[in-house]
Amino acid sequence: MARVRSAAQRAPQTVEQATALLARFADASAQIDALEAQRAASLAEINGAADACIVPLAAELKDIAKQLKPWWAASIEELTAGRRKSIELGGCTIGYRISPPKVVHEHGRDGDAALVLLGTGYADRAVRVSYALDKPGVLKLLDEQALLEGDAVPDVSIASLGFAARQVEEFFIDVIAPQPIALAAGGDVSHA
């Protein structure tokens, strides 16, 4: 299979050409910002309109459920002859169901409950251990060890374990916000 080459990138040849490209970059960036702001405003308007309709309906659903719960408790035997926990009625299914199982422990917090299992034969099947590298902590250790001298240097440095800080120089273009227009004495418009 033949190798396909990508088209060569055109580079400006003069400061004027670079300036024109950067002006176009700033203009396109401003257009994107305006469109993103317009999208956010439109979504906020759509969400607000939907919420205005949904909130009272959701409140109505809660109220209806509150009314039906005691009625169902009093009527379940008559409606199901004691053989079912739910029925179809009025375009809905109404009744009782068992929630999915949820682990609870008298200590409350998962971490405390996991500690109870650590010394038992259940730990390998019921306790999950996960580790994550604390990258800001490693960077801090690298900085600290770079400053240490003599007896303060630990036996094993973090750098000797293969860790290093890496920074690369990256090309960037940041759009500079335009300066506000100020009126000069006499009503002439000038850029500040």
N, C-alpha and C. Protein backbone atom coordinates (compact mmCIF):
# COMPACT_ATOMS: atom_id res chain seq x y z
N MET A 1 0.85 -1.17 0.00
CA MET A 1 0.00 0.00 0.00
C MET A 1 0.89 1.24 0.00
N ALA A 2 0.57 2.21 -0.84
CA ALA A 2 1.35 3.44 -0.94
C ALA A 2 1.11 4.33 0.27
N ARG A 3 2.12 5.02 0.65
CA ARG A 3 2.02 5.93 1.79
C ARG A 3 1.41 7.25 1.33
N VAL A 4 0.42 7.72 2.08
CA VAL A 4 -0.26 8.96 1.73
C VAL A 4 0.37 10.09 2.53
N ARG A 5 0.72 11.14 1.86
CA ARG A 5 1.30 12.30 2.53
C ARG A 5 0.23 13.34 2.78
N SER A 6 0.35 13.99 3.92
CA SER A 6 -0.60 15.06 4.21
C SER A 6 -0.15 16.32 3.50
N ALA A 7 -1.11 17.18 3.24
CA ALA A 7 -0.81 18.44 2.55
C ALA A 7 0.10 19.29 3.41
N ALA A 8 1.02 19.97 2.76
CA ALA A 8 1.93 20.85 3.48
C ALA A 8 1.15 22.02 4.06
N GLN A 9 1.50 22.42 5.25
CA GLN A 9 0.85 23.55 5.90
C GLN A 9 1.46 24.85 5.36
N ARG A 10 0.60 25.77 5.04
CA ARG A 10 1.08 27.08 4.59
C ARG A 10 1.45 27.90 5.81
N ALA A 11 2.59 28.49 5.79
CA ALA A 11 3.04 29.34 6.89
C ALA A 11 3.15 30.77 6.39
N PRO A 12 2.80 31.72 7.23
CA PRO A 12 2.95 33.12 6.79
C PRO A 12 4.42 33.43 6.52
N GLN A 13 4.64 34.31 5.58
CA GLN A 13 6.00 34.67 5.20
C GLN A 13 6.43 36.02 5.76
N THR A 14 5.42 36.81 6.22
CA THR A 14 5.73 38.15 6.72
C THR A 14 4.98 38.39 8.01
N VAL A 15 5.38 39.44 8.72
CA VAL A 15 4.69 39.83 9.95
C VAL A 15 3.26 40.24 9.62
N GLU A 16 3.06 40.89 8.50
CA GLU A 16 1.71 41.33 8.10
C GLU A 16 0.81 40.12 7.88
N GLN A 17 1.33 39.07 7.22
CA GLN A 17 0.54 37.87 6.99
C GLN A 17 0.22 37.18 8.33
N ALA A 18 1.19 37.11 9.23
CA ALA A 18 0.97 36.52 10.56
C ALA A 18 -0.05 37.34 11.33
N THR A 19 0.05 38.66 11.22
CA THR A 19 -0.89 39.55 11.92
C THR A 19 -2.30 39.32 11.40
N ALA A 20 -2.46 39.18 10.09
CA ALA A 20 -3.78 38.93 9.50
C ALA A 20 -4.34 37.59 9.97
N LEU A 21 -3.49 36.56 10.03
CA LEU A 21 -3.94 35.26 10.52
C LEU A 21 -4.36 35.33 11.99
N LEU A 22 -3.57 36.04 12.79
CA LEU A 22 -3.92 36.17 14.20
C LEU A 22 -5.20 36.96 14.40
N ALA A 23 -5.43 37.98 13.57
CA ALA A 23 -6.69 38.73 13.64
C ALA A 23 -7.86 37.82 13.30
N ARG A 24 -7.68 36.96 12.27
CA ARG A 24 -8.75 36.01 11.91
C ARG A 24 -8.95 35.01 13.06
N PHE A 25 -7.84 34.58 13.69
CA PHE A 25 -7.92 33.67 14.83
C PHE A 25 -8.74 34.30 15.95
N ALA A 26 -8.44 35.56 16.27
CA ALA A 26 -9.16 36.27 17.33
C ALA A 26 -10.64 36.41 16.98
N ASP A 27 -10.95 36.72 15.70
CA ASP A 27 -12.33 36.87 15.26
C ASP A 27 -13.09 35.54 15.36
N ALA A 28 -12.47 34.46 14.86
CA ALA A 28 -13.11 33.14 14.94
C ALA A 28 -13.31 32.72 16.39
N SER A 29 -12.33 33.01 17.25
CA SER A 29 -12.46 32.69 18.67
C SER A 29 -13.61 33.46 19.30
N ALA A 30 -13.76 34.74 18.94
CA ALA A 30 -14.86 35.55 19.47
C ALA A 30 -16.20 35.00 18.99
N GLN A 31 -16.26 34.56 17.73
CA GLN A 31 -17.50 33.98 17.20
C GLN A 31 -17.86 32.70 17.95
N ILE A 32 -16.85 31.87 18.21
CA ILE A 32 -17.10 30.63 18.97
C ILE A 32 -17.61 30.97 20.37
N ASP A 33 -16.98 31.93 21.04
CA ASP A 33 -17.43 32.33 22.38
C ASP A 33 -18.87 32.83 22.35
N ALA A 34 -19.20 33.62 21.33
CA ALA A 34 -20.57 34.15 21.21
C ALA A 34 -21.56 33.02 20.98
N LEU A 35 -21.20 32.06 20.12
CA LEU A 35 -22.09 30.93 19.85
C LEU A 35 -22.25 30.04 21.08
N GLU A 36 -21.16 29.82 21.83
CA GLU A 36 -21.25 29.04 23.07
C GLU A 36 -22.15 29.74 24.09
N ALA A 37 -22.02 31.07 24.19
CA ALA A 37 -22.87 31.84 25.11
C ALA A 37 -24.33 31.77 24.67
N GLN A 38 -24.54 31.86 23.35
CA GLN A 38 -25.91 31.77 22.82
C GLN A 38 -26.49 30.39 23.10
N ARG A 39 -25.65 29.34 22.90
CA ARG A 39 -26.12 27.98 23.18
C ARG A 39 -26.49 27.84 24.65
N ALA A 40 -25.62 28.35 25.54
CA ALA A 40 -25.88 28.25 26.98
C ALA A 40 -27.17 28.99 27.35
N ALA A 41 -27.36 30.17 26.77
CA ALA A 41 -28.58 30.94 27.06
C ALA A 41 -29.81 30.21 26.53
N SER A 42 -29.70 29.64 25.33
CA SER A 42 -30.83 28.90 24.75
C SER A 42 -31.17 27.67 25.58
N LEU A 43 -30.11 26.94 26.01
CA LEU A 43 -30.35 25.75 26.84
C LEU A 43 -30.97 26.15 28.18
N ALA A 44 -30.49 27.24 28.76
CA ALA A 44 -31.06 27.71 30.03
C ALA A 44 -32.53 28.08 29.84
N GLU A 45 -32.86 28.71 28.72
CA GLU A 45 -34.24 29.07 28.44
C GLU A 45 -35.10 27.82 28.24
N ILE A 46 -34.58 26.84 27.49
CA ILE A 46 -35.32 25.59 27.26
C ILE A 46 -35.51 24.85 28.59
N ASN A 47 -34.42 24.75 29.39
CA ASN A 47 -34.52 24.07 30.68
C ASN A 47 -35.50 24.78 31.61
N GLY A 48 -35.47 26.10 31.59
CA GLY A 48 -36.40 26.86 32.43
C GLY A 48 -37.84 26.61 32.03
N ALA A 49 -38.11 26.59 30.71
CA ALA A 49 -39.48 26.34 30.23
C ALA A 49 -39.92 24.92 30.60
N ALA A 50 -39.00 23.95 30.42
CA ALA A 50 -39.35 22.56 30.77
C ALA A 50 -39.58 22.43 32.26
N ASP A 51 -38.71 23.05 33.08
CA ASP A 51 -38.89 23.00 34.53
C ASP A 51 -40.21 23.62 34.97
N ALA A 52 -40.60 24.70 34.30
CA ALA A 52 -41.87 25.35 34.65
C ALA A 52 -43.04 24.40 34.43
N CYS A 53 -42.92 23.51 33.46
CA CYS A 53 -43.98 22.51 33.22
C CYS A 53 -43.82 21.29 34.11
N ILE A 54 -42.57 20.85 34.31
CA ILE A 54 -42.31 19.60 35.03
C ILE A 54 -42.53 19.74 36.53
N VAL A 55 -42.11 20.84 37.13
CA VAL A 55 -42.18 20.98 38.59
C VAL A 55 -43.60 20.82 39.12
N PRO A 56 -44.60 21.49 38.55
CA PRO A 56 -45.95 21.27 39.10
C PRO A 56 -46.47 19.85 38.85
N LEU A 57 -46.10 19.26 37.69
CA LEU A 57 -46.54 17.88 37.42
C LEU A 57 -45.89 16.90 38.40
N ALA A 58 -44.60 17.10 38.69
CA ALA A 58 -43.92 16.23 39.65
C ALA A 58 -44.53 16.38 41.04
N ALA A 59 -44.87 17.59 41.41
CA ALA A 59 -45.54 17.81 42.71
C ALA A 59 -46.90 17.12 42.73
N GLU A 60 -47.61 17.17 41.60
CA GLU A 60 -48.91 16.50 41.51
C GLU A 60 -48.75 14.98 41.66
N LEU A 61 -47.71 14.41 41.02
CA LEU A 61 -47.46 12.97 41.14
C LEU A 61 -47.22 12.58 42.59
N LYS A 62 -46.41 13.36 43.31
CA LYS A 62 -46.14 13.07 44.72
C LYS A 62 -47.43 13.13 45.54
N ASP A 63 -48.26 14.12 45.25
CA ASP A 63 -49.51 14.26 45.99
C ASP A 63 -50.44 13.08 45.72
N ILE A 64 -50.53 12.67 44.46
CA ILE A 64 -51.38 11.52 44.11
C ILE A 64 -50.86 10.26 44.80
N ALA A 65 -49.53 10.06 44.80
CA ALA A 65 -48.96 8.88 45.45
C ALA A 65 -49.27 8.89 46.95
N LYS A 66 -49.19 10.08 47.58
CA LYS A 66 -49.53 10.19 49.01
C LYS A 66 -50.97 9.79 49.27
N GLN A 67 -51.86 10.18 48.36
CA GLN A 67 -53.28 9.85 48.52
C GLN A 67 -53.53 8.36 48.31
N LEU A 68 -52.85 7.76 47.33
CA LEU A 68 -53.11 6.36 46.98
C LEU A 68 -52.46 5.36 47.94
N LYS A 69 -51.37 5.75 48.60
CA LYS A 69 -50.66 4.80 49.47
C LYS A 69 -51.56 4.26 50.59
N PRO A 70 -52.24 5.08 51.36
CA PRO A 70 -53.11 4.51 52.40
C PRO A 70 -54.31 3.76 51.80
N TRP A 71 -54.81 4.24 50.66
CA TRP A 71 -55.92 3.54 50.02
C TRP A 71 -55.47 2.14 49.61
N TRP A 72 -54.26 2.01 49.03
CA TRP A 72 -53.77 0.70 48.61
C TRP A 72 -53.60 -0.23 49.80
N ALA A 73 -53.05 0.30 50.90
CA ALA A 73 -52.85 -0.52 52.10
C ALA A 73 -54.19 -1.07 52.60
N ALA A 74 -55.24 -0.26 52.51
CA ALA A 74 -56.55 -0.71 52.98
C ALA A 74 -57.27 -1.59 51.97
N SER A 75 -56.92 -1.50 50.69
CA SER A 75 -57.67 -2.20 49.65
C SER A 75 -56.95 -3.39 49.03
N ILE A 76 -55.69 -3.64 49.38
CA ILE A 76 -54.92 -4.68 48.70
C ILE A 76 -55.56 -6.06 48.81
N GLU A 77 -56.04 -6.42 49.97
CA GLU A 77 -56.63 -7.75 50.16
C GLU A 77 -57.85 -7.94 49.26
N GLU A 78 -58.70 -6.94 49.23
CA GLU A 78 -59.92 -7.01 48.42
C GLU A 78 -59.59 -7.09 46.92
N LEU A 79 -58.61 -6.31 46.48
CA LEU A 79 -58.28 -6.23 45.05
C LEU A 79 -57.45 -7.39 44.55
N THR A 80 -56.66 -8.04 45.42
CA THR A 80 -55.77 -9.12 44.97
C THR A 80 -56.14 -10.46 45.58
N ALA A 81 -57.13 -10.49 46.41
CA ALA A 81 -57.53 -11.71 47.12
C ALA A 81 -56.36 -12.30 47.89
N GLY A 82 -55.42 -11.43 48.31
CA GLY A 82 -54.28 -11.87 49.11
C GLY A 82 -53.24 -12.65 48.33
N ARG A 83 -53.36 -12.71 47.00
CA ARG A 83 -52.44 -13.53 46.21
C ARG A 83 -51.35 -12.72 45.50
N ARG A 84 -51.48 -11.43 45.45
CA ARG A 84 -50.52 -10.61 44.71
C ARG A 84 -50.12 -9.39 45.53
N LYS A 85 -49.04 -8.76 45.10
CA LYS A 85 -48.59 -7.54 45.76
C LYS A 85 -48.87 -6.31 44.91
N SER A 86 -49.27 -6.54 43.63
CA SER A 86 -49.55 -5.41 42.75
C SER A 86 -50.59 -5.81 41.72
N ILE A 87 -51.23 -4.78 41.14
CA ILE A 87 -52.22 -5.01 40.07
C ILE A 87 -52.12 -3.87 39.06
N GLU A 88 -52.71 -4.09 37.89
CA GLU A 88 -52.85 -3.03 36.91
C GLU A 88 -54.20 -2.38 37.12
N LEU A 89 -54.19 -1.04 37.17
CA LEU A 89 -55.42 -0.30 37.42
C LEU A 89 -55.26 1.11 36.87
N GLY A 90 -56.20 1.55 36.08
CA GLY A 90 -56.19 2.93 35.58
C GLY A 90 -54.98 3.28 34.74
N GLY A 91 -54.44 2.34 33.99
CA GLY A 91 -53.28 2.60 33.15
C GLY A 91 -51.96 2.59 33.91
N CYS A 92 -51.97 2.09 35.13
CA CYS A 92 -50.77 2.04 35.95
C CYS A 92 -50.69 0.68 36.64
N THR A 93 -49.52 0.36 37.12
CA THR A 93 -49.37 -0.78 38.02
C THR A 93 -49.17 -0.18 39.39
N ILE A 94 -49.96 -0.65 40.35
CA ILE A 94 -49.90 -0.14 41.71
C ILE A 94 -49.66 -1.31 42.64
N GLY A 95 -48.86 -1.09 43.67
CA GLY A 95 -48.62 -2.17 44.61
C GLY A 95 -47.35 -1.99 45.40
N TYR A 96 -46.84 -3.11 45.89
CA TYR A 96 -45.60 -3.15 46.65
C TYR A 96 -44.58 -3.96 45.88
N ARG A 97 -43.31 -3.57 46.02
CA ARG A 97 -42.22 -4.37 45.47
C ARG A 97 -41.05 -4.29 46.44
N ILE A 98 -40.20 -5.29 46.35
CA ILE A 98 -39.03 -5.37 47.21
C ILE A 98 -37.91 -4.58 46.54
N SER A 99 -37.26 -3.73 47.32
CA SER A 99 -36.14 -2.95 46.77
C SER A 99 -34.93 -3.86 46.57
N PRO A 100 -33.98 -3.46 45.70
CA PRO A 100 -32.76 -4.26 45.55
C PRO A 100 -32.00 -4.31 46.87
N PRO A 101 -31.27 -5.41 47.14
CA PRO A 101 -30.55 -5.51 48.41
C PRO A 101 -29.47 -4.44 48.53
N LYS A 102 -29.30 -3.93 49.73
CA LYS A 102 -28.32 -2.89 50.02
C LYS A 102 -27.55 -3.32 51.26
N VAL A 103 -26.23 -3.27 51.19
CA VAL A 103 -25.41 -3.67 52.34
C VAL A 103 -25.43 -2.55 53.37
N VAL A 104 -25.71 -2.92 54.60
CA VAL A 104 -25.65 -1.98 55.72
C VAL A 104 -24.81 -2.60 56.82
N HIS A 105 -24.20 -1.77 57.64
CA HIS A 105 -23.40 -2.26 58.76
C HIS A 105 -23.61 -1.31 59.93
N GLU A 106 -23.51 -1.85 61.13
CA GLU A 106 -23.78 -1.05 62.32
C GLU A 106 -22.81 0.11 62.48
N HIS A 107 -21.61 0.02 61.89
CA HIS A 107 -20.65 1.13 61.98
C HIS A 107 -20.99 2.26 61.02
N GLY A 108 -21.86 1.99 60.07
CA GLY A 108 -22.34 3.02 59.17
C GLY A 108 -21.47 3.24 57.95
N ARG A 109 -20.25 3.68 58.15
CA ARG A 109 -19.40 4.03 57.01
C ARG A 109 -18.75 2.79 56.40
N ASP A 110 -18.62 2.79 55.06
CA ASP A 110 -18.04 1.65 54.36
C ASP A 110 -16.62 1.35 54.82
N GLY A 111 -15.83 2.39 55.04
CA GLY A 111 -14.45 2.19 55.45
C GLY A 111 -14.35 1.48 56.78
N ASP A 112 -15.21 1.86 57.73
CA ASP A 112 -15.21 1.21 59.04
C ASP A 112 -15.67 -0.24 58.92
N ALA A 113 -16.67 -0.49 58.09
CA ALA A 113 -17.17 -1.84 57.90
C ALA A 113 -16.11 -2.71 57.23
N ALA A 114 -15.36 -2.16 56.30
CA ALA A 114 -14.30 -2.92 55.62
C ALA A 114 -13.22 -3.31 56.61
N LEU A 115 -12.91 -2.43 57.56
CA LEU A 115 -11.89 -2.74 58.57
C LEU A 115 -12.28 -3.95 59.41
N VAL A 116 -13.58 -4.11 59.66
CA VAL A 116 -14.07 -5.25 60.44
C VAL A 116 -13.75 -6.56 59.72
N LEU A 117 -13.80 -6.54 58.38
CA LEU A 117 -13.58 -7.76 57.60
C LEU A 117 -12.10 -8.06 57.35
N LEU A 118 -11.22 -7.08 57.53
CA LEU A 118 -9.82 -7.27 57.16
C LEU A 118 -9.16 -8.45 57.87
N GLY A 119 -9.46 -8.69 59.11
CA GLY A 119 -8.82 -9.79 59.85
C GLY A 119 -9.51 -11.12 59.70
N THR A 120 -10.47 -11.21 58.82
CA THR A 120 -11.23 -12.46 58.68
C THR A 120 -10.93 -13.12 57.34
N GLY A 121 -11.46 -14.29 57.15
CA GLY A 121 -11.31 -15.01 55.88
C GLY A 121 -12.20 -14.45 54.79
N TYR A 122 -13.01 -13.46 55.12
CA TYR A 122 -13.91 -12.88 54.13
C TYR A 122 -13.27 -11.73 53.36
N ALA A 123 -12.16 -11.21 53.85
CA ALA A 123 -11.57 -9.99 53.30
C ALA A 123 -11.27 -10.10 51.81
N ASP A 124 -10.72 -11.26 51.38
CA ASP A 124 -10.36 -11.37 49.97
C ASP A 124 -11.57 -11.36 49.04
N ARG A 125 -12.75 -11.71 49.53
CA ARG A 125 -13.95 -11.72 48.70
C ARG A 125 -14.87 -10.53 48.93
N ALA A 126 -14.69 -9.82 50.06
CA ALA A 126 -15.66 -8.78 50.39
C ALA A 126 -15.05 -7.39 50.56
N VAL A 127 -13.73 -7.26 50.44
CA VAL A 127 -13.10 -5.95 50.60
C VAL A 127 -12.32 -5.65 49.32
N ARG A 128 -12.57 -4.50 48.76
CA ARG A 128 -11.86 -4.07 47.55
C ARG A 128 -10.86 -3.01 47.96
N VAL A 129 -9.62 -3.19 47.52
CA VAL A 129 -8.57 -2.21 47.79
C VAL A 129 -8.16 -1.60 46.46
N SER A 130 -8.09 -0.29 46.43
CA SER A 130 -7.64 0.36 45.20
C SER A 130 -6.60 1.42 45.57
N TYR A 131 -5.62 1.57 44.70
CA TYR A 131 -4.56 2.54 44.91
C TYR A 131 -4.54 3.48 43.72
N ALA A 132 -4.21 4.72 43.98
CA ALA A 132 -4.07 5.72 42.92
C ALA A 132 -2.87 6.58 43.24
N LEU A 133 -2.15 6.95 42.22
CA LEU A 133 -0.97 7.78 42.40
C LEU A 133 -1.41 9.21 42.72
N ASP A 134 -0.87 9.75 43.78
CA ASP A 134 -1.14 11.14 44.15
C ASP A 134 -0.11 12.00 43.42
N LYS A 135 -0.45 12.42 42.21
CA LYS A 135 0.51 13.12 41.36
C LYS A 135 0.98 14.45 41.95
N PRO A 136 0.08 15.27 42.53
CA PRO A 136 0.58 16.48 43.18
C PRO A 136 1.54 16.16 44.33
N GLY A 137 1.27 15.08 45.05
CA GLY A 137 2.15 14.67 46.14
C GLY A 137 3.52 14.25 45.63
N VAL A 138 3.56 13.52 44.50
CA VAL A 138 4.83 13.10 43.92
C VAL A 138 5.63 14.32 43.47
N LEU A 139 4.95 15.29 42.81
CA LEU A 139 5.63 16.51 42.38
C LEU A 139 6.22 17.26 43.58
N LYS A 140 5.47 17.29 44.68
CA LYS A 140 5.95 17.97 45.89
C LYS A 140 7.17 17.24 46.44
N LEU A 141 7.14 15.91 46.46
CA LEU A 141 8.30 15.14 46.94
C LEU A 141 9.52 15.39 46.05
N LEU A 142 9.31 15.43 44.74
CA LEU A 142 10.43 15.70 43.83
C LEU A 142 11.03 17.07 44.11
N ASP A 143 10.18 18.06 44.33
CA ASP A 143 10.66 19.41 44.65
C ASP A 143 11.41 19.42 45.98
N GLU A 144 10.84 18.76 46.99
CA GLU A 144 11.47 18.74 48.31
C GLU A 144 12.83 18.05 48.26
N GLN A 145 12.91 16.91 47.56
CA GLN A 145 14.16 16.15 47.52
C GLN A 145 15.22 16.88 46.71
N ALA A 146 14.81 17.73 45.78
CA ALA A 146 15.79 18.51 45.02
C ALA A 146 16.48 19.53 45.92
N LEU A 147 15.81 19.92 47.00
CA LEU A 147 16.37 20.92 47.92
C LEU A 147 17.16 20.32 49.07
N LEU A 148 17.02 18.99 49.29
CA LEU A 148 17.66 18.34 50.43
C LEU A 148 19.17 18.16 50.20
N GLU A 149 19.93 18.22 51.29
CA GLU A 149 21.38 18.02 51.22
C GLU A 149 21.83 17.19 52.41
N GLY A 150 22.94 16.49 52.26
CA GLY A 150 23.60 15.78 53.36
C GLY A 150 22.74 14.71 54.00
N ASP A 151 22.62 14.77 55.33
CA ASP A 151 21.92 13.76 56.12
C ASP A 151 20.42 13.78 55.87
N ALA A 152 19.90 14.87 55.36
CA ALA A 152 18.46 14.98 55.15
C ALA A 152 17.98 14.16 53.95
N VAL A 153 18.90 13.73 53.09
CA VAL A 153 18.53 12.97 51.90
C VAL A 153 18.14 11.55 52.32
N PRO A 154 16.96 11.08 51.92
CA PRO A 154 16.53 9.73 52.29
C PRO A 154 17.37 8.67 51.57
N ASP A 155 17.34 7.43 52.11
CA ASP A 155 18.10 6.32 51.52
C ASP A 155 17.69 6.08 50.06
N VAL A 156 16.40 6.16 49.81
CA VAL A 156 15.88 5.94 48.46
C VAL A 156 15.15 7.20 48.04
N SER A 157 15.64 7.81 47.00
CA SER A 157 14.97 9.03 46.53
C SER A 157 13.82 8.65 45.61
N ILE A 158 12.86 9.52 45.54
CA ILE A 158 11.71 9.25 44.67
C ILE A 158 12.15 9.23 43.20
N ALA A 159 13.17 9.99 42.88
CA ALA A 159 13.69 9.99 41.50
C ALA A 159 14.33 8.65 41.16
N SER A 160 14.99 8.02 42.14
CA SER A 160 15.63 6.73 41.87
C SER A 160 14.59 5.63 41.65
N LEU A 161 13.36 5.89 42.01
CA LEU A 161 12.27 4.93 41.77
C LEU A 161 11.64 5.13 40.40
N GLY A 162 12.21 6.06 39.63
CA GLY A 162 11.74 6.26 38.26
C GLY A 162 10.83 7.45 38.06
N PHE A 163 10.61 8.23 39.10
CA PHE A 163 9.70 9.37 38.98
C PHE A 163 10.48 10.62 38.59
N ALA A 164 9.87 11.43 37.76
CA ALA A 164 10.47 12.70 37.36
C ALA A 164 9.34 13.65 36.99
N ALA A 165 9.63 14.92 37.08
CA ALA A 165 8.67 15.93 36.63
C ALA A 165 9.01 16.26 35.18
N ARG A 166 8.02 16.33 34.34
CA ARG A 166 8.27 16.64 32.94
C ARG A 166 7.42 17.82 32.54
N GLN A 167 8.06 18.78 31.90
CA GLN A 167 7.36 19.92 31.35
C GLN A 167 7.85 20.11 29.93
N VAL A 168 6.92 20.43 29.05
CA VAL A 168 7.29 20.67 27.66
C VAL A 168 6.85 22.06 27.28
N GLU A 169 7.57 22.65 26.37
CA GLU A 169 7.20 23.96 25.86
C GLU A 169 6.17 23.73 24.76
N GLU A 170 5.01 24.33 24.91
CA GLU A 170 3.92 24.14 23.97
C GLU A 170 3.60 25.45 23.27
N PHE A 171 3.30 25.36 22.00
CA PHE A 171 2.88 26.52 21.24
C PHE A 171 1.48 26.90 21.68
N PHE A 172 1.19 28.19 21.78
CA PHE A 172 -0.15 28.63 22.16
C PHE A 172 -0.49 29.92 21.45
N ILE A 173 -1.78 30.18 21.37
CA ILE A 173 -2.31 31.47 20.93
C ILE A 173 -3.43 31.81 21.90
N ASP A 174 -3.31 32.91 22.60
CA ASP A 174 -4.36 33.40 23.49
C ASP A 174 -4.92 34.68 22.90
N VAL A 175 -6.22 34.79 22.85
CA VAL A 175 -6.85 36.00 22.33
C VAL A 175 -6.84 37.06 23.42
N ILE A 176 -6.39 38.24 23.07
CA ILE A 176 -6.36 39.37 24.01
C ILE A 176 -7.70 40.08 23.90
N ALA A 177 -8.35 40.28 25.02
CA ALA A 177 -9.66 40.94 25.02
C ALA A 177 -9.50 42.36 24.49
N PRO A 178 -10.42 42.78 23.63
CA PRO A 178 -10.31 44.14 23.09
C PRO A 178 -10.50 45.17 24.20
N GLN A 179 -9.81 46.31 24.06
CA GLN A 179 -9.92 47.38 25.04
C GLN A 179 -11.24 48.12 24.82
N PRO A 180 -11.87 48.57 25.90
CA PRO A 180 -13.13 49.30 25.74
C PRO A 180 -12.89 50.62 25.01
N ILE A 181 -13.90 51.04 24.26
CA ILE A 181 -13.81 52.30 23.52
C ILE A 181 -14.12 53.43 24.48
N ALA A 182 -13.23 54.47 24.48
CA ALA A 182 -13.42 55.62 25.37
C ALA A 182 -13.70 56.85 24.51
N LEU A 183 -14.59 57.70 24.98
CA LEU A 183 -14.89 58.95 24.28
C LEU A 183 -13.89 60.01 24.72
N ALA A 184 -13.23 60.61 23.73
CA ALA A 184 -12.29 61.70 24.02
C ALA A 184 -13.05 62.99 24.11
N ALA A 185 -12.43 64.00 24.67
CA ALA A 185 -13.07 65.31 24.76
C ALA A 185 -13.43 65.77 23.35
N GLY A 186 -14.58 66.29 23.18
CA GLY A 186 -15.04 66.73 21.87
C GLY A 186 -15.85 65.69 21.14
N GLY A 187 -16.05 64.47 21.77
CA GLY A 187 -16.93 63.46 21.18
C GLY A 187 -16.26 62.53 20.20
N ASP A 188 -14.93 62.67 19.98
CA ASP A 188 -14.24 61.75 19.06
C ASP A 188 -14.10 60.39 19.73
N VAL A 189 -14.25 59.34 18.94
CA VAL A 189 -14.12 57.98 19.43
C VAL A 189 -12.67 57.54 19.18
N SER A 190 -12.04 57.06 20.23
CA SER A 190 -10.67 56.53 20.06
C SER A 190 -10.54 55.27 20.89
N HIS A 191 -9.63 54.40 20.47
CA HIS A 191 -9.40 53.16 21.23
C HIS A 191 -8.41 53.44 22.35
N ALA A 192 -8.72 52.92 23.53
CA ALA A 192 -7.86 53.15 24.69
C ALA A 192 -6.60 52.32 24.58
